Amino acid sequence: MPKIFQLELLTNTVLNLRQQITPANSSVGTGTFISHNGKLYIVTAEHVAKDMQLDFKVIVKGTNDLPIELSLEDLTQQTASINWINHPLADLAILELNPKINILQTTLQNRFLPSENIHQPKTVVNRNTQLTVIGFPMGLGAVGHFSPLTFRTFASSGFLSLARFDNGKQCTFIVLENPGVGGYSGGPVIDISIYENMGMQMTGMGTMIHGFLHGTISDQTGGKLAAVTPSHYLFDIL
C-alpha cells in the first residue's frame, strides 16, 4: 500500500517555478519532485514549462521556512538547454534531474514523492474523496518565506473531454468544485488519505496524487471551472 504523508511533509515535495520577465513581473507555476524507477524528476504543466528559459529558478523550502533558489545547472548540470519531455496531448511536462552531488545530498534530501503515490490506472477519483491542491497562486508562498498555499475540494465530475485553455486541444480532464488561481498550474491534486471522522483522525488507503492542475476554463458569462489533468497521463512520458 502507498505510504501516508502528512500535509506538512508534502509541502517539501512541491516547488515554485519562476521565470523573471521584468524586475516587477515573473511567470510562475508549481511543480512536484517525484522519483520513478530510480530516476528523479520535476513534474509540472506543459504551459508552465514552456515559459521557463535557461535562467529560470526553482524555489524550495529551506531551514526555518526560508526559500532556497536552485538553478538549471544545480538540478541538471546543464546550462545550454532545458530538456523538458512534453506529453503529446495532455498539459504535462517532466524534467529529468541530475543534481550536483552536494545539492542532492543536502537541499534535495527527502523531497521526492515515489511514483507509487501517483494514481496510474485510468479510473476517476470518487466524488466523495476530499482532495487537496498545493501550489503558489499568484506566486505567493515562495518569496520571503516559503509557504505553499493549499485548498481542499472535491471532484465535481468524472472524466470530461474539454479543450485545453492554452492551445485548444481536446483532452480528458477532471473538474473540481472550486475554481483555480493562476500560479497553482502544475500543482498536485492529492488525496492525503487522512481525514476527520467525528473528532477522530482516520487514515485511508495511502496518499495519492490524482492529477495536476491545468488551470481555469471560463466563458463569457464569467463562469469558471478548475480543470485537472488526470495523473495516468504522466506514465506515458516517464
Foldseek 3Di string as FASTA:
>chain_A
DAAFDDPVLLLQFKKKKWADDDPVDIAIAMWGWADEPRWIKIKFFQVSVVRDDLAIWIWGADPPQAIDTDGPCQWAVDRPDFDWDAQPAGRMIMGTTDGDPVCCVPVVPSRHHYCVQEDADPFWDDQVQKKKWWWQFVNPQRPPGRDIDMDIWGFPDTWDFFQQPPPGGTDIWTWTPDADGRGSGGTFIKRSQWDDDPNDIGGHDHIHTQFGWRHWDDDPVGDIITITHGRNSVVVGD
